Amino acid sequence: MTHPVHGRTTPQAYGDVIRNTPRYVPIADQPPPAPNTGPAIADLVIADMTERKAIGIQRYGTPLQAHNGRDALIDAYQEALDLCCYLRQAIEERAVQIQAGMEQS
């Protein structure tokens, strides 16, 4: 389906195309998290942030600070776009694995 004004494919039509592909895996609601013996994710994130700070200081000679001459909103938006691509890649790769497993069954 195309948009009546600009003629481009609408998101709904694009979604219909994706849903009709053999590898489509619907994104559904998740169950509540179950307690386990794994580490707290917040602790892992704090460790990652500490490591990223050290890498930034090593690479740029300074930690990330406000008023550094960069536009933080643009930086964050570009990082978010990259994140969306990585997330969709992981979903696609999982869908391919699921489909391959179903075909072998």
PDB file of N, CA and C in Angstrom:
ATOM      1  N   MET A   1       0.847  -1.165   0.000  1.00  0.00           N
ATOM      2  CA  MET A   1       0.000   0.000   0.000  1.00  0.00           C
ATOM      3  C   MET A   1       0.896   1.233   0.000  1.00  0.00           C
ATOM      4  N   THR A   2       0.547   2.213  -0.790  1.00  0.00           N
ATOM      5  CA  THR A   2       1.334   3.448  -0.823  1.00  0.00           C
ATOM      6  C   THR A   2       0.540   4.579  -0.208  1.00  0.00           C
ATOM      7  N   HIS A   3       1.282   5.546   0.295  1.00  0.00           N
ATOM      8  CA  HIS A   3       0.679   6.718   0.909  1.00  0.00           C
ATOM      9  C   HIS A   3      -0.003   7.540  -0.181  1.00  0.00           C
ATOM     10  N   PRO A   4      -1.228   8.046   0.068  1.00  0.00           N
ATOM     11  CA  PRO A   4      -1.957   8.774  -0.973  1.00  0.00           C
ATOM     12  C   PRO A   4      -1.319  10.100  -1.376  1.00  0.00           C
ATOM     13  N   VAL A   5      -0.504  10.695  -0.524  1.00  0.00           N
ATOM     14  CA  VAL A   5       0.085  11.989  -0.843  1.00  0.00           C
ATOM     15  C   VAL A   5       1.470  11.845  -1.455  1.00  0.00           C
ATOM     16  N   HIS A   6       2.389  11.172  -0.744  1.00  0.00           N
ATOM     17  CA  HIS A   6       3.769  11.123  -1.232  1.00  0.00           C
ATOM     18  C   HIS A   6       4.078   9.859  -2.025  1.00  0.00           C
ATOM     19  N   GLY A   7       3.179   8.875  -2.041  1.00  0.00           N
ATOM     20  CA  GLY A   7       3.360   7.704  -2.886  1.00  0.00           C
ATOM     21  C   GLY A   7       4.357   6.677  -2.380  1.00  0.00           C
ATOM     22  N   ARG A   8       4.963   6.924  -1.225  1.00  0.00           N
ATOM     23  CA  ARG A   8       5.902   5.942  -0.684  1.00  0.00           C
ATOM     24  C   ARG A   8       5.136   4.851   0.049  1.00  0.00           C
ATOM     25  N   THR A   9       5.797   3.731   0.245  1.00  0.00           N
ATOM     26  CA  THR A   9       5.187   2.636   0.978  1.00  0.00           C
ATOM     27  C   THR A   9       4.934   3.072   2.408  1.00  0.00           C
ATOM     28  N   THR A  10       3.736   2.819   2.892  1.00  0.00           N
ATOM     29  CA  THR A  10       3.391   3.200   4.258  1.00  0.00           C
ATOM     30  C   THR A  10       3.954   2.185   5.232  1.00  0.00           C
ATOM     31  N   PRO A  11       4.178   2.596   6.491  1.00  0.00           N
ATOM     32  CA  PRO A  11       4.669   1.641   7.484  1.00  0.00           C
ATOM     33  C   PRO A  11       3.761   0.429   7.623  1.00  0.00           C
ATOM     34  N   GLN A  12       2.433   0.641   7.551  1.00  0.00           N
ATOM     35  CA  GLN A  12       1.509  -0.486   7.671  1.00  0.00           C
ATOM     36  C   GLN A  12       1.734  -1.464   6.528  1.00  0.00           C
ATOM     37  N   ALA A  13       1.875  -0.944   5.320  1.00  0.00           N
ATOM     38  CA  ALA A  13       2.097  -1.825   4.175  1.00  0.00           C
ATOM     39  C   ALA A  13       3.435  -2.531   4.309  1.00  0.00           C
ATOM     40  N   TYR A  14       4.436  -1.819   4.774  1.00  0.00           N
ATOM     41  CA  TYR A  14       5.741  -2.438   4.979  1.00  0.00           C
ATOM     42  C   TYR A  14       5.627  -3.549   6.007  1.00  0.00           C
ATOM     43  N   GLY A  15       4.892  -3.282   7.095  1.00  0.00           N
ATOM     44  CA  GLY A  15       4.678  -4.303   8.115  1.00  0.00           C
ATOM     45  C   GLY A  15       3.982  -5.521   7.546  1.00  0.00           C
ATOM     46  N   ASP A  16       3.011  -5.317   6.651  1.00  0.00           N
ATOM     47  CA  ASP A  16       2.321  -6.445   6.014  1.00  0.00           C
ATOM     48  C   ASP A  16       3.310  -7.278   5.205  1.00  0.00           C
ATOM     49  N   VAL A  17       4.219  -6.600   4.510  1.00  0.00           N
ATOM     50  CA  VAL A  17       5.224  -7.309   3.724  1.00  0.00           C
ATOM     51  C   VAL A  17       6.110  -8.136   4.643  1.00  0.00           C
ATOM     52  N   ILE A  18       6.573  -7.535   5.734  1.00  0.00           N
ATOM     53  CA  ILE A  18       7.446  -8.236   6.668  1.00  0.00           C
ATOM     54  C   ILE A  18       6.718  -9.435   7.270  1.00  0.00           C
ATOM     55  N   ARG A  19       5.457  -9.231   7.698  1.00  0.00           N
ATOM     56  CA  ARG A  19       4.714 -10.330   8.317  1.00  0.00           C
ATOM     57  C   ARG A  19       4.493 -11.489   7.355  1.00  0.00           C
ATOM     58  N   ASN A  20       4.502 -11.237   6.061  1.00  0.00           N
ATOM     59  CA  ASN A  20       4.263 -12.285   5.085  1.00  0.00           C
ATOM     60  C   ASN A  20       5.546 -12.956   4.597  1.00  0.00           C
ATOM     61  N   THR A  21       6.688 -12.580   5.169  1.00  0.00           N
ATOM     62  CA  THR A  21       7.939 -13.242   4.799  1.00  0.00           C
ATOM     63  C   THR A  21       8.081 -14.497   5.648  1.00  0.00           C
ATOM     64  N   PRO A  22       8.746 -15.520   5.138  1.00  0.00           N
ATOM     65  CA  PRO A  22       8.851 -16.785   5.872  1.00  0.00           C
ATOM     66  C   PRO A  22       9.573 -16.671   7.207  1.00  0.00           C
ATOM     67  N   ARG A  23      10.469 -15.693   7.367  1.00  0.00           N
ATOM     68  CA  ARG A  23      11.268 -15.614   8.589  1.00  0.00           C
ATOM     69  C   ARG A  23      10.659 -14.696   9.631  1.00  0.00           C
ATOM     70  N   TYR A  24       9.472 -14.178   9.399  1.00  0.00           N
ATOM     71  CA  TYR A  24       8.889 -13.234  10.344  1.00  0.00           C
ATOM     72  C   TYR A  24       8.619 -13.914  11.679  1.00  0.00           C
ATOM     73  N   VAL A  25       9.130 -13.328  12.758  1.00  0.00           N
ATOM     74  CA  VAL A  25       8.850 -13.793  14.109  1.00  0.00           C
ATOM     75  C   VAL A  25       8.171 -12.632  14.830  1.00  0.00           C
ATOM     76  N   PRO A  26       6.895 -12.798  15.205  1.00  0.00           N
ATOM     77  CA  PRO A  26       6.198 -11.682  15.856  1.00  0.00           C
ATOM     78  C   PRO A  26       6.847 -11.330  17.185  1.00  0.00           C
ATOM     79  N   ILE A  27       6.846 -10.060  17.501  1.00  0.00           N
ATOM     80  CA  ILE A  27       7.385  -9.597  18.768  1.00  0.00           C
ATOM     81  C   ILE A  27       6.204  -9.527  19.723  1.00  0.00           C
ATOM     82  N   ALA A  28       6.185 -10.396  20.708  1.00  0.00           N
ATOM     83  CA  ALA A  28       5.046 -10.527  21.608  1.00  0.00           C
ATOM     84  C   ALA A  28       5.393 -10.014  22.997  1.00  0.00           C
ATOM     85  N   ASP A  29       4.343  -9.855  23.810  1.00  0.00           N
ATOM     86  CA  ASP A  29       4.565  -9.506  25.210  1.00  0.00           C
ATOM     87  C   ASP A  29       5.389 -10.598  25.870  1.00  0.00           C
ATOM     88  N   GLN A  30       6.197 -10.194  26.809  1.00  0.00           N
ATOM     89  CA  GLN A  30       7.065 -11.125  27.514  1.00  0.00           C
ATOM     90  C   GLN A  30       6.490 -11.419  28.893  1.00  0.00           C
ATOM     91  N   PRO A  31       6.790 -12.605  29.443  1.00  0.00           N
ATOM     92  CA  PRO A  31       6.353 -12.898  30.812  1.00  0.00           C
ATOM     93  C   PRO A  31       7.174 -12.074  31.791  1.00  0.00           C
ATOM     94  N   PRO A  32       6.710 -11.945  33.032  1.00  0.00           N
ATOM     95  CA  PRO A  32       7.515 -11.217  34.021  1.00  0.00           C
ATOM     96  C   PRO A  32       8.842 -11.942  34.255  1.00  0.00           C
ATOM     97  N   PRO A  33       9.878 -11.197  34.656  1.00  0.00           N
ATOM     98  CA  PRO A  33      11.173 -11.845  34.878  1.00  0.00           C
ATOM     99  C   PRO A  33      11.115 -12.804  36.070  1.00  0.00           C
ATOM    100  N   ALA A  34      11.809 -13.900  35.927  1.00  0.00           N
ATOM    101  CA  ALA A  34      11.880 -14.891  36.999  1.00  0.00           C
ATOM    102  C   ALA A  34      13.175 -14.702  37.782  1.00  0.00           C
ATOM    103  N   PRO A  35      13.102 -14.680  39.103  1.00  0.00           N
ATOM    104  CA  PRO A  35      14.330 -14.562  39.904  1.00  0.00           C
ATOM    105  C   PRO A  35      15.266 -15.734  39.617  1.00  0.00           C
ATOM    106  N   ASN A  36      16.566 -15.469  39.669  1.00  0.00           N
ATOM    107  CA  ASN A  36      17.556 -16.519  39.452  1.00  0.00           C
ATOM    108  C   ASN A  36      18.853 -16.132  40.141  1.00  0.00           C
ATOM    109  N   THR A  37      19.880 -16.903  39.937  1.00  0.00           N
ATOM    110  CA  THR A  37      21.156 -16.647  40.627  1.00  0.00           C
ATOM    111  C   THR A  37      22.133 -15.817  39.792  1.00  0.00           C
ATOM    112  N   GLY A  38      21.687 -15.318  38.645  1.00  0.00           N
ATOM    113  CA  GLY A  38      22.552 -14.513  37.790  1.00  0.00           C
ATOM    114  C   GLY A  38      22.851 -13.152  38.402  1.00  0.00           C
ATOM    115  N   PRO A  39      23.850 -12.465  37.859  1.00  0.00           N
ATOM    116  CA  PRO A  39      24.204 -11.138  38.388  1.00  0.00           C
ATOM    117  C   PRO A  39      23.118 -10.113  38.068  1.00  0.00           C
ATOM    118  N   ALA A  40      23.034  -9.083  38.889  1.00  0.00           N
ATOM    119  CA  ALA A  40      22.106  -7.985  38.633  1.00  0.00           C
ATOM    120  C   ALA A  40      22.582  -7.230  37.388  1.00  0.00           C
ATOM    121  N   ILE A  41      21.693  -7.001  36.469  1.00  0.00           N
ATOM    122  CA  ILE A  41      22.049  -6.332  35.221  1.00  0.00           C
ATOM    123  C   ILE A  41      22.564  -4.916  35.495  1.00  0.00           C
ATOM    124  N   ALA A  42      21.984  -4.230  36.459  1.00  0.00           N
ATOM    125  CA  ALA A  42      22.459  -2.875  36.784  1.00  0.00           C
ATOM    126  C   ALA A  42      23.936  -2.898  37.170  1.00  0.00           C
ATOM    127  N   ASP A  43      24.354  -3.929  37.914  1.00  0.00           N
ATOM    128  CA  ASP A  43      25.771  -4.040  38.286  1.00  0.00           C
ATOM    129  C   ASP A  43      26.650  -4.243  37.048  1.00  0.00           C
ATOM    130  N   LEU A  44      26.153  -5.042  36.105  1.00  0.00           N
ATOM    131  CA  LEU A  44      26.908  -5.244  34.862  1.00  0.00           C
ATOM    132  C   LEU A  44      27.008  -3.940  34.073  1.00  0.00           C
ATOM    133  N   VAL A  45      25.919  -3.174  34.045  1.00  0.00           N
ATOM    134  CA  VAL A  45      25.924  -1.895  33.321  1.00  0.00           C
ATOM    135  C   VAL A  45      26.897  -0.924  33.983  1.00  0.00           C
ATOM    136  N   ILE A  46      26.917  -0.883  35.305  1.00  0.00           N
ATOM    137  CA  ILE A  46      27.849   0.008  36.006  1.00  0.00           C
ATOM    138  C   ILE A  46      29.290  -0.360  35.660  1.00  0.00           C
ATOM    139  N   ALA A  47      29.590  -1.638  35.632  1.00  0.00           N
ATOM    140  CA  ALA A  47      30.941  -2.078  35.262  1.00  0.00           C
ATOM    141  C   ALA A  47      31.256  -1.683  33.820  1.00  0.00           C
ATOM    142  N   ASP A  48      30.274  -1.848  32.924  1.00  0.00           N
ATOM    143  CA  ASP A  48      30.473  -1.444  31.529  1.00  0.00           C
ATOM    144  C   ASP A  48      30.718   0.060  31.427  1.00  0.00           C
ATOM    145  N   MET A  49      29.962   0.857  32.206  1.00  0.00           N
ATOM    146  CA  MET A  49      30.141   2.315  32.167  1.00  0.00           C
ATOM    147  C   MET A  49      31.528   2.713  32.671  1.00  0.00           C
ATOM    148  N   THR A  50      31.991   2.046  33.706  1.00  0.00           N
ATOM    149  CA  THR A  50      33.329   2.325  34.232  1.00  0.00           C
ATOM    150  C   THR A  50      34.384   2.027  33.170  1.00  0.00           C
ATOM    151  N   GLU A  51      34.197   0.894  32.480  1.00  0.00           N
ATOM    152  CA  GLU A  51      35.137   0.531  31.414  1.00  0.00           C
ATOM    153  C   GLU A  51      35.072   1.533  30.260  1.00  0.00           C
ATOM    154  N   ARG A  52      33.850   1.954  29.880  1.00  0.00           N
ATOM    155  CA  ARG A  52      33.705   2.920  28.783  1.00  0.00           C
ATOM    156  C   ARG A  52      34.358   4.254  29.150  1.00  0.00           C
ATOM    157  N   LYS A  53      34.231   4.676  30.399  1.00  0.00           N
ATOM    158  CA  LYS A  53      34.869   5.914  30.841  1.00  0.00           C
ATOM    159  C   LYS A  53      36.379   5.812  30.675  1.00  0.00           C
ATOM    160  N   ALA A  54      36.949   4.691  31.097  1.00  0.00           N
ATOM    161  CA  ALA A  54      38.400   4.494  30.973  1.00  0.00           C
ATOM    162  C   ALA A  54      38.828   4.494  29.506  1.00  0.00           C
ATOM    163  N   ILE A  55      38.042   3.854  28.654  1.00  0.00           N
ATOM    164  CA  ILE A  55      38.356   3.842  27.213  1.00  0.00           C
ATOM    165  C   ILE A  55      38.293   5.255  26.650  1.00  0.00           C
ATOM    166  N   GLY A  56      37.275   6.025  27.050  1.00  0.00           N
ATOM    167  CA  GLY A  56      37.149   7.407  26.577  1.00  0.00           C
ATOM    168  C   GLY A  56      38.338   8.261  26.991  1.00  0.00           C
ATOM    169  N   ILE A  57      38.766   8.107  28.224  1.00  0.00           N
ATOM    170  CA  ILE A  57      39.926   8.874  28.706  1.00  0.00           C
ATOM    171  C   ILE A  57      41.177   8.465  27.936  1.00  0.00           C
ATOM    172  N   GLN A  58      41.330   7.154  27.704  1.00  0.00           N
ATOM    173  CA  GLN A  58      42.501   6.681  26.962  1.00  0.00           C
ATOM    174  C   GLN A  58      42.457   7.189  25.518  1.00  0.00           C
ATOM    175  N   ARG A  59      41.302   7.126  24.905  1.00  0.00           N
ATOM    176  CA  ARG A  59      41.172   7.483  23.492  1.00  0.00           C
ATOM    177  C   ARG A  59      41.188   8.988  23.259  1.00  0.00           C
ATOM    178  N   TYR A  60      40.488   9.756  24.122  1.00  0.00           N
ATOM    179  CA  TYR A  60      40.307  11.193  23.881  1.00  0.00           C
ATOM    180  C   TYR A  60      41.022  12.079  24.885  1.00  0.00           C
ATOM    181  N   GLY A  61      41.621  11.464  25.920  1.00  0.00           N
ATOM    182  CA  GLY A  61      42.352  12.253  26.908  1.00  0.00           C
ATOM    183  C   GLY A  61      41.465  12.923  27.935  1.00  0.00           C
ATOM    184  N   THR A  62      40.170  12.636  27.924  1.00  0.00           N
ATOM    185  CA  THR A  62      39.236  13.248  28.865  1.00  0.00           C
ATOM    186  C   THR A  62      37.974  12.398  28.941  1.00  0.00           C
ATOM    187  N   PRO A  63      37.310  12.388  30.106  1.00  0.00           N
ATOM    188  CA  PRO A  63      36.021  11.700  30.150  1.00  0.00           C
ATOM    189  C   PRO A  63      34.971  12.539  29.401  1.00  0.00           C
ATOM    190  N   LEU A  64      33.870  11.930  29.093  1.00  0.00           N
ATOM    191  CA  LEU A  64      32.782  12.673  28.454  1.00  0.00           C
ATOM    192  C   LEU A  64      32.229  13.690  29.446  1.00  0.00           C
ATOM    193  N   GLN A  65      32.186  14.939  29.018  1.00  0.00           N
ATOM    194  CA  GLN A  65      31.714  16.024  29.872  1.00  0.00           C
ATOM    195  C   GLN A  65      30.780  16.916  29.074  1.00  0.00           C
ATOM    196  N   ALA A  66      29.928  17.637  29.800  1.00  0.00           N
ATOM    197  CA  ALA A  66      29.050  18.620  29.165  1.00  0.00           C
ATOM    198  C   ALA A  66      29.888  19.763  28.586  1.00  0.00           C
ATOM    199  N   HIS A  67      29.334  20.458  27.622  1.00  0.00           N
ATOM    200  CA  HIS A  67      29.974  21.632  27.000  1.00  0.00           C
ATOM    201  C   HIS A  67      31.317  21.273  26.385  1.00  0.00           C
ATOM    202  N   ASN A  68      31.345  20.135  25.658  1.00  0.00           N
ATOM    203  CA  ASN A  68      32.591  19.661  25.068  1.00  0.00           C
ATOM    204  C   ASN A  68      32.703  19.978  23.579  1.00  0.00           C
ATOM    205  N   GLY A  69      31.778  20.796  23.075  1.00  0.00           N
ATOM    206  CA  GLY A  69      31.850  21.177  21.664  1.00  0.00           C
ATOM    207  C   GLY A  69      31.063  20.262  20.738  1.00  0.00           C
ATOM    208  N   ARG A  70      30.452  19.229  21.288  1.00  0.00           N
ATOM    209  CA  ARG A  70      29.656  18.301  20.472  1.00  0.00           C
ATOM    210  C   ARG A  70      28.182  18.473  20.820  1.00  0.00           C
ATOM    211  N   ASP A  71      27.323  18.051  19.932  1.00  0.00           N
ATOM    212  CA  ASP A  71      25.886  18.090  20.177  1.00  0.00           C
ATOM    213  C   ASP A  71      25.474  16.713  20.709  1.00  0.00           C
ATOM    214  N   ALA A  72      25.252  16.623  22.006  1.00  0.00           N
ATOM    215  CA  ALA A  72      24.942  15.347  22.646  1.00  0.00           C
ATOM    216  C   ALA A  72      23.658  14.730  22.095  1.00  0.00           C
ATOM    217  N   LEU A  73      22.696  15.546  21.732  1.00  0.00           N
ATOM    218  CA  LEU A  73      21.443  15.017  21.198  1.00  0.00           C
ATOM    219  C   LEU A  73      21.675  14.321  19.860  1.00  0.00           C
ATOM    220  N   ILE A  74      22.481  14.920  19.010  1.00  0.00           N
ATOM    221  CA  ILE A  74      22.798  14.299  17.715  1.00  0.00           C
ATOM    222  C   ILE A  74      23.601  13.020  17.939  1.00  0.00           C
ATOM    223  N   ASP A  75      24.596  13.079  18.827  1.00  0.00           N
ATOM    224  CA  ASP A  75      25.387  11.873  19.129  1.00  0.00           C
ATOM    225  C   ASP A  75      24.479  10.746  19.625  1.00  0.00           C
ATOM    226  N   ALA A  76      23.597  11.058  20.567  1.00  0.00           N
ATOM    227  CA  ALA A  76      22.711  10.037  21.130  1.00  0.00           C
ATOM    228  C   ALA A  76      21.750   9.501  20.074  1.00  0.00           C
ATOM    229  N   TYR A  77      21.206  10.375  19.243  1.00  0.00           N
ATOM    230  CA  TYR A  77      20.284   9.937  18.196  1.00  0.00           C
ATOM    231  C   TYR A  77      20.985   8.989  17.228  1.00  0.00           C
ATOM    232  N   GLN A  78      22.201   9.334  16.819  1.00  0.00           N
ATOM    233  CA  GLN A  78      22.944   8.465  15.902  1.00  0.00           C
ATOM    234  C   GLN A  78      23.260   7.122  16.556  1.00  0.00           C
ATOM    235  N   GLU A  79      23.595   7.145  17.834  1.00  0.00           N
ATOM    236  CA  GLU A  79      23.836   5.893  18.555  1.00  0.00           C
ATOM    237  C   GLU A  79      22.553   5.072  18.647  1.00  0.00           C
ATOM    238  N   ALA A  80      21.414   5.744  18.869  1.00  0.00           N
ATOM    239  CA  ALA A  80      20.129   5.040  18.937  1.00  0.00           C
ATOM    240  C   ALA A  80      19.785   4.392  17.594  1.00  0.00           C
ATOM    241  N   LEU A  81      20.086   5.068  16.504  1.00  0.00           N
ATOM    242  CA  LEU A  81      19.855   4.480  15.183  1.00  0.00           C
ATOM    243  C   LEU A  81      20.707   3.230  14.997  1.00  0.00           C
ATOM    244  N   ASP A  82      21.965   3.309  15.411  1.00  0.00           N
ATOM    245  CA  ASP A  82      22.832   2.127  15.344  1.00  0.00           C
ATOM    246  C   ASP A  82      22.256   1.002  16.207  1.00  0.00           C
ATOM    247  N   LEU A  83      21.791   1.352  17.406  1.00  0.00           N
ATOM    248  CA  LEU A  83      21.211   0.357  18.298  1.00  0.00           C
ATOM    249  C   LEU A  83      20.019  -0.332  17.655  1.00  0.00           C
ATOM    250  N   CYS A  84      19.153   0.443  17.020  1.00  0.00           N
ATOM    251  CA  CYS A  84      17.996  -0.153  16.335  1.00  0.00           C
ATOM    252  C   CYS A  84      18.447  -1.154  15.280  1.00  0.00           C
ATOM    253  N   CYS A  85      19.473  -0.820  14.550  1.00  0.00           N
ATOM    254  CA  CYS A  85      19.985  -1.739  13.525  1.00  0.00           C
ATOM    255  C   CYS A  85      20.535  -3.013  14.160  1.00  0.00           C
ATOM    256  N   TYR A  86      21.296  -2.879  15.246  1.00  0.00           N
ATOM    257  CA  TYR A  86      21.845  -4.066  15.914  1.00  0.00           C
ATOM    258  C   TYR A  86      20.729  -4.934  16.482  1.00  0.00           C
ATOM    259  N   LEU A  87      19.706  -4.302  17.060  1.00  0.00           N
ATOM    260  CA  LEU A  87      18.594  -5.065  17.615  1.00  0.00           C
ATOM    261  C   LEU A  87      17.841  -5.812  16.521  1.00  0.00           C
ATOM    262  N   ARG A  88      17.597  -5.130  15.403  1.00  0.00           N
ATOM    263  CA  ARG A  88      16.864  -5.782  14.306  1.00  0.00           C
ATOM    264  C   ARG A  88      17.706  -6.898  13.696  1.00  0.00           C
ATOM    265  N   GLN A  89      19.019  -6.700  13.641  1.00  0.00           N
ATOM    266  CA  GLN A  89      19.906  -7.751  13.161  1.00  0.00           C
ATOM    267  C   GLN A  89      19.780  -8.984  14.053  1.00  0.00           C
ATOM    268  N   ALA A  90      19.789  -8.782  15.356  1.00  0.00           N
ATOM    269  CA  ALA A  90      19.686  -9.912  16.289  1.00  0.00           C
ATOM    270  C   ALA A  90      18.340 -10.621  16.143  1.00  0.00           C
ATOM    271  N   ILE A  91      17.272  -9.860  15.965  1.00  0.00           N
ATOM    272  CA  ILE A  91      15.951 -10.459  15.764  1.00  0.00           C
ATOM    273  C   ILE A  91      15.941 -11.274  14.477  1.00  0.00           C
ATOM    274  N   GLU A  92      16.504 -10.732  13.409  1.00  0.00           N
ATOM    275  CA  GLU A  92      16.543 -11.438  12.123  1.00  0.00           C
ATOM    276  C   GLU A  92      17.373 -12.709  12.228  1.00  0.00           C
ATOM    277  N   GLU A  93      18.526 -12.623  12.882  1.00  0.00           N
ATOM    278  CA  GLU A  93      19.376 -13.799  13.014  1.00  0.00           C
ATOM    279  C   GLU A  93      18.692 -14.872  13.850  1.00  0.00           C
ATOM    280  N   ARG A  94      17.976 -14.465  14.887  1.00  0.00           N
ATOM    281  CA  ARG A  94      17.233 -15.426  15.693  1.00  0.00           C
ATOM    282  C   ARG A  94      16.116 -16.062  14.864  1.00  0.00           C
ATOM    283  N   ALA A  95      15.435 -15.258  14.058  1.00  0.00           N
ATOM    284  CA  ALA A  95      14.358 -15.789  13.221  1.00  0.00           C
ATOM    285  C   ALA A  95      14.886 -16.827  12.242  1.00  0.00           C
ATOM    286  N   VAL A  96      16.050 -16.561  11.670  1.00  0.00           N
ATOM    287  CA  VAL A  96      16.656 -17.517  10.734  1.00  0.00           C
ATOM    288  C   VAL A  96      16.986 -18.813  11.462  1.00  0.00           C
ATOM    289  N   GLN A  97      17.523 -18.713  12.675  1.00  0.00           N
ATOM    290  CA  GLN A  97      17.853 -19.904  13.463  1.00  0.00           C
ATOM    291  C   GLN A  97      16.594 -20.686  13.808  1.00  0.00           C
ATOM    292  N   ILE A  98      15.531 -19.977  14.180  1.00  0.00           N
ATOM    293  CA  ILE A  98      14.265 -20.637  14.527  1.00  0.00           C
ATOM    294  C   ILE A  98      13.714 -21.348  13.299  1.00  0.00           C
ATOM    295  N   GLN A  99      13.733 -20.662  12.166  1.00  0.00           N
ATOM    296  CA  GLN A  99      13.205 -21.270  10.947  1.00  0.00           C
ATOM    297  C   GLN A  99      14.032 -22.499  10.552  1.00  0.00           C
ATOM    298  N   ALA A 100      15.342 -22.399  10.666  1.00  0.00           N
ATOM    299  CA  ALA A 100      16.206 -23.536  10.333  1.00  0.00           C
ATOM    300  C   ALA A 100      15.901 -24.711  11.254  1.00  0.00           C
ATOM    301  N   GLY A 101      15.668 -24.452  12.521  1.00  0.00           N
ATOM    302  CA  GLY A 101      15.323 -25.514  13.471  1.00  0.00           C
ATOM    303  C   GLY A 101      13.990 -26.156  13.140  1.00  0.00           C
ATOM    304  N   MET A 102      13.014 -25.327  12.703  1.00  0.00           N
ATOM    305  CA  MET A 102      11.704 -25.876  12.341  1.00  0.00           C
ATOM    306  C   MET A 102      11.795 -26.719  11.077  1.00  0.00           C
ATOM    307  N   GLU A 103      12.650 -26.324  10.154  1.00  0.00           N
ATOM    308  CA  GLU A 103      12.793 -27.084   8.899  1.00  0.00           C
ATOM    309  C   GLU A 103      13.491 -28.411   9.133  1.00  0.00           C
ATOM    310  N   GLN A 104      14.364 -28.479  10.148  1.00  0.00           N
ATOM    311  CA  GLN A 104      15.061 -29.724  10.454  1.00  0.00           C
ATOM    312  C   GLN A 104      14.180 -30.706  11.220  1.00  0.00           C
ATOM    313  N   SER A 105      13.122 -30.189  11.838  1.00  0.00           N
ATOM    314  CA  SER A 105      12.236 -31.057  12.643  1.00  0.00           C
ATOM    315  C   SER A 105      11.355 -31.926  11.781  1.00  0.00           C
TER     316      SER A 105
END
